[in-house]
PDB file of N, CA and C in Angstrom:
ATOM      1  N   MET A   1     -10.661   2.908 -13.561  1.00  0.00           N
ATOM      2  CA  MET A   1     -10.819   3.421 -12.226  1.00  0.00           C
ATOM      3  C   MET A   1      -9.848   2.693 -11.308  1.00  0.00           C
ATOM      4  N   LYS A   2      -9.195   3.443 -10.441  1.00  0.00           N
ATOM      5  CA  LYS A   2      -8.227   2.850  -9.523  1.00  0.00           C
ATOM      6  C   LYS A   2      -8.763   2.870  -8.095  1.00  0.00           C
ATOM      7  N   ARG A   3      -8.457   1.830  -7.384  1.00  0.00           N
ATOM      8  CA  ARG A   3      -8.855   1.742  -5.986  1.00  0.00           C
ATOM      9  C   ARG A   3      -7.770   2.302  -5.065  1.00  0.00           C
ATOM     10  N   VAL A   4      -6.540   2.299  -5.546  1.00  0.00           N
ATOM     11  CA  VAL A   4      -5.416   2.811  -4.755  1.00  0.00           C
ATOM     12  C   VAL A   4      -4.516   3.658  -5.654  1.00  0.00           C
ATOM     13  N   GLU A   5      -4.102   4.808  -5.118  1.00  0.00           N
ATOM     14  CA  GLU A   5      -3.219   5.714  -5.852  1.00  0.00           C
ATOM     15  C   GLU A   5      -2.082   6.137  -4.941  1.00  0.00           C
ATOM     16  N   ILE A   6      -1.197   6.982  -5.446  1.00  0.00           N
ATOM     17  CA  ILE A   6      -0.020   7.392  -4.692  1.00  0.00           C
ATOM     18  C   ILE A   6       0.275   8.859  -4.959  1.00  0.00           C
ATOM     19  N   THR A   7       0.730   9.563  -3.940  1.00  0.00           N
ATOM     20  CA  THR A   7       1.103  10.965  -4.126  1.00  0.00           C
ATOM     21  C   THR A   7       2.458  11.041  -4.824  1.00  0.00           C
ATOM     22  N   GLU A   8       2.756  12.209  -5.363  1.00  0.00           N
ATOM     23  CA  GLU A   8       4.048  12.400  -6.035  1.00  0.00           C
ATOM     24  C   GLU A   8       5.207  12.235  -5.061  1.00  0.00           C
ATOM     25  N   LYS A   9       5.073  12.776  -3.854  1.00  0.00           N
ATOM     26  CA  LYS A   9       6.147  12.643  -2.853  1.00  0.00           C
ATOM     27  C   LYS A   9       6.409  11.176  -2.522  1.00  0.00           C
ATOM     28  N   ALA A  10       5.354  10.410  -2.342  1.00  0.00           N
ATOM     29  CA  ALA A  10       5.507   8.992  -2.038  1.00  0.00           C
ATOM     30  C   ALA A  10       6.086   8.245  -3.238  1.00  0.00           C
ATOM     31  N   LYS A  11       5.681   8.638  -4.433  1.00  0.00           N
ATOM     32  CA  LYS A  11       6.193   8.002  -5.651  1.00  0.00           C
ATOM     33  C   LYS A  11       7.706   8.207  -5.772  1.00  0.00           C
ATOM     34  N   GLU A  12       8.185   9.384  -5.400  1.00  0.00           N
ATOM     35  CA  GLU A  12       9.632   9.642  -5.442  1.00  0.00           C
ATOM     36  C   GLU A  12      10.385   8.681  -4.527  1.00  0.00           C
ATOM     37  N   ILE A  13       9.839   8.424  -3.350  1.00  0.00           N
ATOM     38  CA  ILE A  13      10.474   7.475  -2.419  1.00  0.00           C
ATOM     39  C   ILE A  13      10.447   6.064  -3.008  1.00  0.00           C
ATOM     40  N   VAL A  14       9.333   5.678  -3.610  1.00  0.00           N
ATOM     41  CA  VAL A  14       9.229   4.354  -4.232  1.00  0.00           C
ATOM     42  C   VAL A  14      10.283   4.214  -5.327  1.00  0.00           C
ATOM     43  N   GLU A  15      10.441   5.242  -6.159  1.00  0.00           N
ATOM     44  CA  GLU A  15      11.434   5.179  -7.235  1.00  0.00           C
ATOM     45  C   GLU A  15      12.841   5.022  -6.666  1.00  0.00           C
ATOM     46  N   GLU A  16      13.143   5.740  -5.591  1.00  0.00           N
ATOM     47  CA  GLU A  16      14.442   5.616  -4.927  1.00  0.00           C
ATOM     48  C   GLU A  16      14.648   4.189  -4.413  1.00  0.00           C
ATOM     49  N   LEU A  17      13.611   3.621  -3.820  1.00  0.00           N
ATOM     50  CA  LEU A  17      13.698   2.262  -3.288  1.00  0.00           C
ATOM     51  C   LEU A  17      13.827   1.230  -4.407  1.00  0.00           C
ATOM     52  N   LYS A  18      13.138   1.436  -5.523  1.00  0.00           N
ATOM     53  CA  LYS A  18      13.245   0.513  -6.659  1.00  0.00           C
ATOM     54  C   LYS A  18      14.665   0.516  -7.208  1.00  0.00           C
ATOM     55  N   THR A  19      15.281   1.698  -7.283  1.00  0.00           N
ATOM     56  CA  THR A  19      16.655   1.795  -7.776  1.00  0.00           C
ATOM     57  C   THR A  19      17.602   1.021  -6.865  1.00  0.00           C
ATOM     58  N   LYS A  20      17.395   1.123  -5.570  1.00  0.00           N
ATOM     59  CA  LYS A  20      18.279   0.470  -4.607  1.00  0.00           C
ATOM     60  C   LYS A  20      18.004  -1.022  -4.452  1.00  0.00           C
ATOM     61  N   HIS A  21      16.715  -1.423  -4.464  1.00  0.00           N
ATOM     62  CA  HIS A  21      16.344  -2.790  -4.101  1.00  0.00           C
ATOM     63  C   HIS A  21      15.782  -3.642  -5.240  1.00  0.00           C
ATOM     64  N   GLY A  22      15.475  -3.047  -6.376  1.00  0.00           N
ATOM     65  CA  GLY A  22      14.882  -3.826  -7.459  1.00  0.00           C
ATOM     66  C   GLY A  22      13.370  -3.925  -7.304  1.00  0.00           C
ATOM     67  N   PRO A  23      12.752  -5.004  -7.836  1.00  0.00           N
ATOM     68  CA  PRO A  23      11.295  -5.155  -7.777  1.00  0.00           C
ATOM     69  C   PRO A  23      10.776  -5.157  -6.338  1.00  0.00           C
ATOM     70  N   LEU A  24       9.663  -4.450  -6.148  1.00  0.00           N
ATOM     71  CA  LEU A  24       9.097  -4.270  -4.813  1.00  0.00           C
ATOM     72  C   LEU A  24       7.639  -4.702  -4.761  1.00  0.00           C
ATOM     73  N   ILE A  25       7.119  -4.771  -3.539  1.00  0.00           N
ATOM     74  CA  ILE A  25       5.716  -5.078  -3.322  1.00  0.00           C
ATOM     75  C   ILE A  25       5.226  -4.283  -2.105  1.00  0.00           C
ATOM     76  N   PHE A  26       4.044  -3.680  -2.233  1.00  0.00           N
ATOM     77  CA  PHE A  26       3.381  -3.055  -1.093  1.00  0.00           C
ATOM     78  C   PHE A  26       2.457  -4.090  -0.461  1.00  0.00           C
ATOM     79  N   HIS A  27       2.377  -4.043   0.874  1.00  0.00           N
ATOM     80  CA  HIS A  27       1.450  -4.932   1.572  1.00  0.00           C
ATOM     81  C   HIS A  27       0.916  -4.209   2.802  1.00  0.00           C
ATOM     82  N   GLN A  28      -0.365  -4.357   3.041  1.00  0.00           N
ATOM     83  CA  GLN A  28      -0.996  -3.798   4.233  1.00  0.00           C
ATOM     84  C   GLN A  28      -1.682  -4.947   4.949  1.00  0.00           C
ATOM     85  N   SER A  29      -1.122  -5.317   6.100  1.00  0.00           N
ATOM     86  CA  SER A  29      -1.603  -6.528   6.767  1.00  0.00           C
ATOM     87  C   SER A  29      -2.579  -6.266   7.899  1.00  0.00           C
ATOM     88  N   GLY A  30      -2.387  -5.173   8.623  1.00  0.00           N
ATOM     89  CA  GLY A  30      -3.213  -4.931   9.793  1.00  0.00           C
ATOM     90  C   GLY A  30      -2.748  -5.725  10.991  1.00  0.00           C
ATOM     91  N   GLY A  31      -1.562  -6.303  10.892  1.00  0.00           N
ATOM     92  CA  GLY A  31      -1.036  -7.112  11.976  1.00  0.00           C
ATOM     93  C   GLY A  31      -0.214  -6.310  12.957  1.00  0.00           C
ATOM     94  N   CYS A  32       0.900  -6.853  13.345  1.00  0.00           N
ATOM     95  CA  CYS A  32       1.740  -6.229  14.370  1.00  0.00           C
ATOM     96  C   CYS A  32       2.504  -5.025  13.813  1.00  0.00           C
ATOM     97  N   CYS A  33       3.391  -4.508  14.596  1.00  0.00           N
ATOM     98  CA  CYS A  33       4.269  -3.385  14.233  1.00  0.00           C
ATOM     99  C   CYS A  33       3.458  -2.127  13.977  1.00  0.00           C
ATOM    100  N   ASP A  34       3.386  -1.687  12.738  1.00  0.00           N
ATOM    101  CA  ASP A  34       2.682  -0.445  12.421  1.00  0.00           C
ATOM    102  C   ASP A  34       1.197  -0.666  12.150  1.00  0.00           C
ATOM    103  N   GLY A  35       0.685  -1.824  12.491  1.00  0.00           N
ATOM    104  CA  GLY A  35      -0.744  -2.067  12.333  1.00  0.00           C
ATOM    105  C   GLY A  35      -1.178  -2.012  10.885  1.00  0.00           C
ATOM    106  N   SER A  36      -1.998  -1.034  10.540  1.00  0.00           N
ATOM    107  CA  SER A  36      -2.539  -0.981   9.188  1.00  0.00           C
ATOM    108  C   SER A  36      -1.756  -0.050   8.267  1.00  0.00           C
ATOM    109  N   ALA A  37      -0.514   0.259   8.592  1.00  0.00           N
ATOM    110  CA  ALA A  37       0.314   1.093   7.715  1.00  0.00           C
ATOM    111  C   ALA A  37       0.750   0.268   6.501  1.00  0.00           C
ATOM    112  N   PRO A  38       0.781   0.886   5.327  1.00  0.00           N
ATOM    113  CA  PRO A  38       1.297   0.166   4.164  1.00  0.00           C
ATOM    114  C   PRO A  38       2.803  -0.005   4.294  1.00  0.00           C
ATOM    115  N   MET A  39       3.280  -1.178   3.973  1.00  0.00           N
ATOM    116  CA  MET A  39       4.714  -1.447   4.040  1.00  0.00           C
ATOM    117  C   MET A  39       5.196  -1.897   2.674  1.00  0.00           C
ATOM    118  N   ILE A  40       6.447  -1.586   2.384  1.00  0.00           N
ATOM    119  CA  ILE A  40       7.033  -1.946   1.104  1.00  0.00           C
ATOM    120  C   ILE A  40       8.238  -2.841   1.343  1.00  0.00           C
ATOM    121  N   PHE A  41       8.304  -3.908   0.564  1.00  0.00           N
ATOM    122  CA  PHE A  41       9.357  -4.910   0.718  1.00  0.00           C
ATOM    123  C   PHE A  41       9.935  -5.256  -0.645  1.00  0.00           C
ATOM    124  N   GLU A  42      11.119  -5.881  -0.625  1.00  0.00           N
ATOM    125  CA  GLU A  42      11.622  -6.468  -1.859  1.00  0.00           C
ATOM    126  C   GLU A  42      10.634  -7.566  -2.244  1.00  0.00           C
ATOM    127  N   LYS A  43      10.369  -7.692  -3.527  1.00  0.00           N
ATOM    128  CA  LYS A  43       9.318  -8.598  -4.003  1.00  0.00           C
ATOM    129  C   LYS A  43       9.460 -10.012  -3.447  1.00  0.00           C
ATOM    130  N   ASP A  44      10.659 -10.548  -3.420  1.00  0.00           N
ATOM    131  CA  ASP A  44      10.850 -11.927  -2.987  1.00  0.00           C
ATOM    132  C   ASP A  44      10.875 -12.085  -1.463  1.00  0.00           C
ATOM    133  N   ASP A  45      10.819 -10.968  -0.726  1.00  0.00           N
ATOM    134  CA  ASP A  45      10.822 -11.039   0.739  1.00  0.00           C
ATOM    135  C   ASP A  45       9.417 -11.115   1.331  1.00  0.00           C
ATOM    136  N   MET A  46       8.405 -11.066   0.492  1.00  0.00           N
ATOM    137  CA  MET A  46       7.027 -11.065   0.985  1.00  0.00           C
ATOM    138  C   MET A  46       6.308 -12.310   0.477  1.00  0.00           C
ATOM    139  N   TYR A  47       5.846 -13.135   1.407  1.00  0.00           N
ATOM    140  CA  TYR A  47       5.077 -14.321   1.044  1.00  0.00           C
ATOM    141  C   TYR A  47       3.603 -13.944   0.969  1.00  0.00           C
ATOM    142  N   LEU A  48       3.009 -14.174  -0.176  1.00  0.00           N
ATOM    143  CA  LEU A  48       1.579 -13.926  -0.364  1.00  0.00           C
ATOM    144  C   LEU A  48       0.854 -15.257  -0.450  1.00  0.00           C
ATOM    145  N   ASP A  49      -0.390 -15.256   0.031  1.00  0.00           N
ATOM    146  CA  ASP A  49      -1.220 -16.452  -0.115  1.00  0.00           C
ATOM    147  C   ASP A  49      -2.636 -16.039  -0.478  1.00  0.00           C
ATOM    148  N   GLU A  50      -3.568 -16.979  -0.390  1.00  0.00           N
ATOM    149  CA  GLU A  50      -4.947 -16.708  -0.820  1.00  0.00           C
ATOM    150  C   GLU A  50      -5.649 -15.677   0.061  1.00  0.00           C
ATOM    151  N   SER A  51      -5.054 -15.316   1.193  1.00  0.00           N
ATOM    152  CA  SER A  51      -5.676 -14.307   2.046  1.00  0.00           C
ATOM    153  C   SER A  51      -5.256 -12.880   1.678  1.00  0.00           C
ATOM    154  N   ASP A  52      -4.440 -12.734   0.641  1.00  0.00           N
ATOM    155  CA  ASP A  52      -3.991 -11.416   0.194  1.00  0.00           C
ATOM    156  C   ASP A  52      -4.686 -11.039  -1.109  1.00  0.00           C
ATOM    157  N   ILE A  53      -5.200  -9.814  -1.144  1.00  0.00           N
ATOM    158  CA  ILE A  53      -5.964  -9.323  -2.294  1.00  0.00           C
ATOM    159  C   ILE A  53      -5.163  -8.241  -2.998  1.00  0.00           C
ATOM    160  N   LEU A  54      -5.011  -8.370  -4.311  1.00  0.00           N
ATOM    161  CA  LEU A  54      -4.347  -7.345  -5.112  1.00  0.00           C
ATOM    162  C   LEU A  54      -5.348  -6.218  -5.365  1.00  0.00           C
ATOM    163  N   LEU A  55      -5.046  -5.018  -4.849  1.00  0.00           N
ATOM    164  CA  LEU A  55      -5.936  -3.867  -5.043  1.00  0.00           C
ATOM    165  C   LEU A  55      -5.563  -3.037  -6.254  1.00  0.00           C
ATOM    166  N   GLY A  56      -4.357  -3.205  -6.731  1.00  0.00           N
ATOM    167  CA  GLY A  56      -3.907  -2.429  -7.882  1.00  0.00           C
ATOM    168  C   GLY A  56      -2.410  -2.278  -7.864  1.00  0.00           C
ATOM    169  N   GLU A  57      -1.949  -1.330  -8.664  1.00  0.00           N
ATOM    170  CA  GLU A  57      -0.531  -1.063  -8.778  1.00  0.00           C
ATOM    171  C   GLU A  57      -0.310   0.433  -8.648  1.00  0.00           C
ATOM    172  N   VAL A  58       0.726   0.808  -7.897  1.00  0.00           N
ATOM    173  CA  VAL A  58       1.085   2.217  -7.749  1.00  0.00           C
ATOM    174  C   VAL A  58       2.574   2.357  -8.015  1.00  0.00           C
ATOM    175  N   ALA A  59       2.937   3.324  -8.840  1.00  0.00           N
ATOM    176  CA  ALA A  59       4.345   3.566  -9.180  1.00  0.00           C
ATOM    177  C   ALA A  59       5.029   2.288  -9.654  1.00  0.00           C
ATOM    178  N   GLY A  60       4.285   1.445 -10.361  1.00  0.00           N
ATOM    179  CA  GLY A  60       4.848   0.203 -10.881  1.00  0.00           C
ATOM    180  C   GLY A  60       5.027  -0.891  -9.840  1.00  0.00           C
ATOM    181  N   VAL A  61       4.402  -0.728  -8.676  1.00  0.00           N
ATOM    182  CA  VAL A  61       4.539  -1.689  -7.586  1.00  0.00           C
ATOM    183  C   VAL A  61       3.148  -2.228  -7.223  1.00  0.00           C
ATOM    184  N   PRO A  62       2.976  -3.563  -7.212  1.00  0.00           N
ATOM    185  CA  PRO A  62       1.671  -4.106  -6.824  1.00  0.00           C
ATOM    186  C   PRO A  62       1.359  -3.806  -5.359  1.00  0.00           C
ATOM    187  N   PHE A  63       0.080  -3.525  -5.074  1.00  0.00           N
ATOM    188  CA  PHE A  63      -0.369  -3.214  -3.716  1.00  0.00           C
ATOM    189  C   PHE A  63      -1.353  -4.283  -3.275  1.00  0.00           C
ATOM    190  N   TYR A  64      -0.972  -5.048  -2.247  1.00  0.00           N
ATOM    191  CA  TYR A  64      -1.799  -6.117  -1.707  1.00  0.00           C
ATOM    192  C   TYR A  64      -2.284  -5.746  -0.313  1.00  0.00           C
ATOM    193  N   MET A  65      -3.442  -6.282   0.031  1.00  0.00           N
ATOM    194  CA  MET A  65      -3.987  -6.090   1.364  1.00  0.00           C
ATOM    195  C   MET A  65      -4.523  -7.435   1.848  1.00  0.00           C
ATOM    196  N   ASN A  66      -4.274  -7.735   3.114  1.00  0.00           N
ATOM    197  CA  ASN A  66      -4.813  -8.947   3.694  1.00  0.00           C
ATOM    198  C   ASN A  66      -6.335  -8.858   3.701  1.00  0.00           C
ATOM    199  N   VAL A  67      -7.016  -9.951   3.460  1.00  0.00           N
ATOM    200  CA  VAL A  67      -8.471  -9.969   3.351  1.00  0.00           C
ATOM    201  C   VAL A  67      -9.160  -9.451   4.611  1.00  0.00           C
ATOM    202  N   ASP A  68      -8.610  -9.737   5.782  1.00  0.00           N
ATOM    203  CA  ASP A  68      -9.217  -9.228   7.016  1.00  0.00           C
ATOM    204  C   ASP A  68      -9.181  -7.702   7.040  1.00  0.00           C
ATOM    205  N   GLN A  69      -8.060  -7.134   6.634  1.00  0.00           N
ATOM    206  CA  GLN A  69      -7.922  -5.683   6.573  1.00  0.00           C
ATOM    207  C   GLN A  69      -8.829  -5.110   5.466  1.00  0.00           C
ATOM    208  N   TYR A  70      -8.894  -5.822   4.337  1.00  0.00           N
ATOM    209  CA  TYR A  70      -9.729  -5.388   3.217  1.00  0.00           C
ATOM    210  C   TYR A  70     -11.195  -5.255   3.639  1.00  0.00           C
ATOM    211  N   ASN A  71     -11.664  -6.138   4.484  1.00  0.00           N
ATOM    212  CA  ASN A  71     -13.061  -6.065   4.927  1.00  0.00           C
ATOM    213  C   ASN A  71     -13.374  -4.744   5.625  1.00  0.00           C
ATOM    214  N   TYR A  72     -12.376  -4.132   6.250  1.00  0.00           N
ATOM    215  CA  TYR A  72     -12.560  -2.815   6.873  1.00  0.00           C
ATOM    216  C   TYR A  72     -12.469  -1.677   5.859  1.00  0.00           C
ATOM    217  N   TRP A  73     -11.655  -1.856   4.829  1.00  0.00           N
ATOM    218  CA  TRP A  73     -11.337  -0.773   3.890  1.00  0.00           C
ATOM    219  C   TRP A  73     -12.072  -0.897   2.540  1.00  0.00           C
ATOM    220  N   LYS A  74     -12.881  -1.915   2.336  1.00  0.00           N
ATOM    221  CA  LYS A  74     -13.450  -2.179   1.010  1.00  0.00           C
ATOM    222  C   LYS A  74     -14.373  -1.072   0.491  1.00  0.00           C
ATOM    223  N   HIS A  75     -14.829  -0.205   1.340  1.00  0.00           N
ATOM    224  CA  HIS A  75     -15.710   0.886   0.917  1.00  0.00           C
ATOM    225  C   HIS A  75     -14.945   2.191   0.678  1.00  0.00           C
ATOM    226  N   THR A  76     -13.613   2.087   0.625  1.00  0.00           N
ATOM    227  CA  THR A  76     -12.803   3.298   0.526  1.00  0.00           C
ATOM    228  C   THR A  76     -11.860   3.282  -0.665  1.00  0.00           C
ATOM    229  N   HIS A  77     -11.491   4.486  -1.078  1.00  0.00           N
ATOM    230  CA  HIS A  77     -10.426   4.712  -2.053  1.00  0.00           C
ATOM    231  C   HIS A  77      -9.202   5.086  -1.236  1.00  0.00           C
ATOM    232  N   LEU A  78      -8.063   4.506  -1.560  1.00  0.00           N
ATOM    233  CA  LEU A  78      -6.851   4.709  -0.772  1.00  0.00           C
ATOM    234  C   LEU A  78      -5.819   5.513  -1.556  1.00  0.00           C
ATOM    235  N   THR A  79      -5.121   6.383  -0.862  1.00  0.00           N
ATOM    236  CA  THR A  79      -3.997   7.111  -1.442  1.00  0.00           C
ATOM    237  C   THR A  79      -2.802   6.919  -0.521  1.00  0.00           C
ATOM    238  N   ILE A  80      -1.725   6.377  -1.084  1.00  0.00           N
ATOM    239  CA  ILE A  80      -0.492   6.199  -0.322  1.00  0.00           C
ATOM    240  C   ILE A  80       0.256   7.520  -0.328  1.00  0.00           C
ATOM    241  N   ASP A  81       0.684   7.930   0.853  1.00  0.00           N
ATOM    242  CA  ASP A  81       1.448   9.161   1.018  1.00  0.00           C
ATOM    243  C   ASP A  81       2.664   8.842   1.876  1.00  0.00           C
ATOM    244  N   ILE A  82       3.475   9.840   2.101  1.00  0.00           N
ATOM    245  CA  ILE A  82       4.692   9.685   2.899  1.00  0.00           C
ATOM    246  C   ILE A  82       4.693  10.770   3.961  1.00  0.00           C
ATOM    247  N   THR A  83       5.233  10.454   5.119  1.00  0.00           N
ATOM    248  CA  THR A  83       5.364  11.443   6.186  1.00  0.00           C
ATOM    249  C   THR A  83       6.720  11.266   6.840  1.00  0.00           C
ATOM    250  N   GLU A  84       7.225  12.324   7.410  1.00  0.00           N
ATOM    251  CA  GLU A  84       8.499  12.228   8.112  1.00  0.00           C
ATOM    252  C   GLU A  84       8.305  11.483   9.418  1.00  0.00           C
ATOM    253  N   GLY A  85       9.347  10.800   9.836  1.00  0.00           N
ATOM    254  CA  GLY A  85       9.305  10.042  11.076  1.00  0.00           C
ATOM    255  C   GLY A  85       9.504   8.572  10.803  1.00  0.00           C
ATOM    256  N   ARG A  86      10.061   7.916  11.773  1.00  0.00           N
ATOM    257  CA  ARG A  86      10.340   6.490  11.622  1.00  0.00           C
ATOM    258  C   ARG A  86       9.166   5.667  12.127  1.00  0.00           C
ATOM    259  N   GLY A  87       8.744   4.731  11.334  1.00  0.00           N
ATOM    260  CA  GLY A  87       7.743   3.783  11.782  1.00  0.00           C
ATOM    261  C   GLY A  87       8.438   2.642  12.512  1.00  0.00           C
ATOM    262  N   ALA A  88       7.674   1.775  13.089  1.00  0.00           N
ATOM    263  CA  ALA A  88       8.231   0.640  13.838  1.00  0.00           C
ATOM    264  C   ALA A  88       8.058  -0.638  13.041  1.00  0.00           C
ATOM    265  N   SER A  89       8.499  -0.617  11.788  1.00  0.00           N
ATOM    266  CA  SER A  89       8.298  -1.793  10.946  1.00  0.00           C
ATOM    267  C   SER A  89       9.577  -2.142  10.201  1.00  0.00           C
ATOM    268  N   PHE A  90       9.472  -3.164   9.380  1.00  0.00           N
ATOM    269  CA  PHE A  90      10.586  -3.607   8.561  1.00  0.00           C
ATOM    270  C   PHE A  90      10.482  -3.057   7.146  1.00  0.00           C
ATOM    271  N   SER A  91       9.625  -2.101   6.930  1.00  0.00           N
ATOM    272  CA  SER A  91       9.408  -1.518   5.614  1.00  0.00           C
ATOM    273  C   SER A  91      10.680  -0.810   5.140  1.00  0.00           C
ATOM    274  N   LEU A  92      10.960  -0.895   3.858  1.00  0.00           N
ATOM    275  CA  LEU A  92      12.229  -0.414   3.303  1.00  0.00           C
ATOM    276  C   LEU A  92      12.456   1.096   3.400  1.00  0.00           C
ATOM    277  N   GLU A  93      11.405   1.893   3.556  1.00  0.00           N
ATOM    278  CA  GLU A  93      11.585   3.347   3.613  1.00  0.00           C
ATOM    279  C   GLU A  93      12.054   3.830   4.989  1.00  0.00           C
ATOM    280  N   ILE A  94      11.942   3.009   6.007  1.00  0.00           N
ATOM    281  CA  ILE A  94      12.231   3.419   7.385  1.00  0.00           C
ATOM    282  C   ILE A  94      13.637   4.011   7.549  1.00  0.00           C
ATOM    283  N   PRO A  95      14.693   3.416   6.983  1.00  0.00           N
ATOM    284  CA  PRO A  95      16.027   4.011   7.138  1.00  0.00           C
ATOM    285  C   PRO A  95      16.161   5.413   6.516  1.00  0.00           C
ATOM    286  N   LEU A  96      15.223   5.801   5.663  1.00  0.00           N
ATOM    287  CA  LEU A  96      15.249   7.124   5.047  1.00  0.00           C
ATOM    288  C   LEU A  96      14.650   8.193   5.961  1.00  0.00           C
ATOM    289  N   GLY A  97      14.130   7.781   7.119  1.00  0.00           N
ATOM    290  CA  GLY A  97      13.529   8.728   8.059  1.00  0.00           C
ATOM    291  C   GLY A  97      12.120   9.133   7.701  1.00  0.00           C
ATOM    292  N   VAL A  98      11.474   8.322   6.877  1.00  0.00           N
ATOM    293  CA  VAL A  98      10.085   8.563   6.467  1.00  0.00           C
ATOM    294  C   VAL A  98       9.316   7.257   6.589  1.00  0.00           C
ATOM    295  N   ARG A  99       7.988   7.372   6.485  1.00  0.00           N
ATOM    296  CA  ARG A  99       7.162   6.164   6.459  1.00  0.00           C
ATOM    297  C   ARG A  99       5.931   6.415   5.602  1.00  0.00           C
ATOM    298  N   PHE A 100       5.439   5.339   5.022  1.00  0.00           N
ATOM    299  CA  PHE A 100       4.233   5.426   4.211  1.00  0.00           C
ATOM    300  C   PHE A 100       3.013   5.468   5.119  1.00  0.00           C
ATOM    301  N   ILE A 101       2.019   6.228   4.705  1.00  0.00           N
ATOM    302  CA  ILE A 101       0.736   6.296   5.403  1.00  0.00           C
ATOM    303  C   ILE A 101      -0.374   6.194   4.361  1.00  0.00           C
ATOM    304  N   ILE A 102      -1.585   5.960   4.823  1.00  0.00           N
ATOM    305  CA  ILE A 102      -2.756   5.859   3.949  1.00  0.00           C
ATOM    306  C   ILE A 102      -3.720   6.996   4.252  1.00  0.00           C
ATOM    307  N   HIS A 103      -4.182   7.653   3.188  1.00  0.00           N
ATOM    308  CA  HIS A 103      -5.319   8.568   3.286  1.00  0.00           C
ATOM    309  C   HIS A 103      -6.473   7.832   2.630  1.00  0.00           C
ATOM    310  N   SER A 104      -7.646   7.918   3.223  1.00  0.00           N
ATOM    311  CA  SER A 104      -8.786   7.211   2.636  1.00  0.00           C
ATOM    312  C   SER A 104      -9.988   8.136   2.540  1.00  0.00           C
ATOM    313  N   ARG A 105     -10.845   7.792   1.607  1.00  0.00           N
ATOM    314  CA  ARG A 105     -12.141   8.458   1.466  1.00  0.00           C
ATOM    315  C   ARG A 105     -13.125   7.399   1.030  1.00  0.00           C
ATOM    316  N   LEU A 106     -14.399   7.631   1.324  1.00  0.00           N
ATOM    317  CA  LEU A 106     -15.416   6.680   0.892  1.00  0.00           C
ATOM    318  C   LEU A 106     -15.524   6.678  -0.626  1.00  0.00           C
ATOM    319  N   LEU A 107     -15.792   5.514  -1.186  1.00  0.00           N
ATOM    320  CA  LEU A 107     -16.017   5.425  -2.627  1.00  0.00           C
ATOM    321  C   LEU A 107     -17.264   6.210  -2.990  1.00  0.00           C
ATOM    322  N   ASP A 108     -17.225   6.868  -4.145  1.00  0.00           N
ATOM    323  CA  ASP A 108     -18.435   7.533  -4.614  1.00  0.00           C
ATOM    324  C   ASP A 108     -19.337   6.497  -5.289  1.00  0.00           C
ATOM    325  N   ALA A 109     -20.525   6.899  -5.697  1.00  0.00           N
ATOM    326  CA  ALA A 109     -21.519   5.965  -6.244  1.00  0.00           C
ATOM    327  C   ALA A 109     -20.992   5.227  -7.487  1.00  0.00           C
ATOM    328  N   ALA A 110     -20.338   5.938  -8.386  1.00  0.00           N
ATOM    329  CA  ALA A 110     -19.816   5.321  -9.596  1.00  0.00           C
ATOM    330  C   ALA A 110     -18.720   4.306  -9.269  1.00  0.00           C
ATOM    331  N   GLU A 111     -17.853   4.646  -8.328  1.00  0.00           N
ATOM    332  CA  GLU A 111     -16.782   3.727  -7.926  1.00  0.00           C
ATOM    333  C   GLU A 111     -17.364   2.469  -7.283  1.00  0.00           C
ATOM    334  N   LYS A 112     -18.379   2.648  -6.445  1.00  0.00           N
ATOM    335  CA  LYS A 112     -19.015   1.482  -5.802  1.00  0.00           C
ATOM    336  C   LYS A 112     -19.532   0.512  -6.852  1.00  0.00           C
ATOM    337  N   LEU A 113     -20.250   1.031  -7.832  1.00  0.00           N
ATOM    338  CA  LEU A 113     -20.787   0.184  -8.901  1.00  0.00           C
ATOM    339  C   LEU A 113     -19.671  -0.498  -9.675  1.00  0.00           C
ATOM    340  N   PHE A 114     -18.640   0.261  -9.997  1.00  0.00           N
ATOM    341  CA  PHE A 114     -17.528  -0.285 -10.772  1.00  0.00           C
ATOM    342  C   PHE A 114     -16.854  -1.429 -10.030  1.00  0.00           C
ATOM    343  N   PHE A 115     -16.513  -1.222  -8.762  1.00  0.00           N
ATOM    344  CA  PHE A 115     -15.784  -2.220  -8.001  1.00  0.00           C
ATOM    345  C   PHE A 115     -16.649  -3.418  -7.612  1.00  0.00           C
ATOM    346  N   GLN A 116     -17.954  -3.212  -7.471  1.00  0.00           N
ATOM    347  CA  GLN A 116     -18.845  -4.337  -7.189  1.00  0.00           C
ATOM    348  C   GLN A 116     -18.969  -5.252  -8.389  1.00  0.00           C
ATOM    349  N   SER A 117     -18.858  -4.688  -9.592  1.00  0.00           N
ATOM    350  CA  SER A 117     -18.999  -5.495 -10.797  1.00  0.00           C
ATOM    351  C   SER A 117     -17.687  -6.119 -11.261  1.00  0.00           C
ATOM    352  N   SER A 118     -16.552  -5.711 -10.670  1.00  0.00           N
ATOM    353  CA  SER A 118     -15.275  -6.288 -11.109  1.00  0.00           C
ATOM    354  C   SER A 118     -14.902  -7.511 -10.339  1.00  0.00           C
TER     355      SER A 118
END
């Protein structure tokens, strides 16, 4: 069972970015700039610490969320998507004229049990 997934359109952008930049990392901080938008960086450009939680991997890229943000989203399943328009962040997709967004839904009963036991 996955807690975070990605649409095909968003996956195509990730693949393009991997070809150009090498290993990548997704991070959702809830801080400044685009707030709770998922951002993608070159792997070595993102400092992670004990306040970052690995939620899974999408398109071969690890997806981390800051623990403060996770406390708001822990009851949801996340899907990374892409939309046209420039975000106000340092995320690598911005020069392409697109930005990553999150679609969420509440976890169903089976998912709740699974994630509570992991």
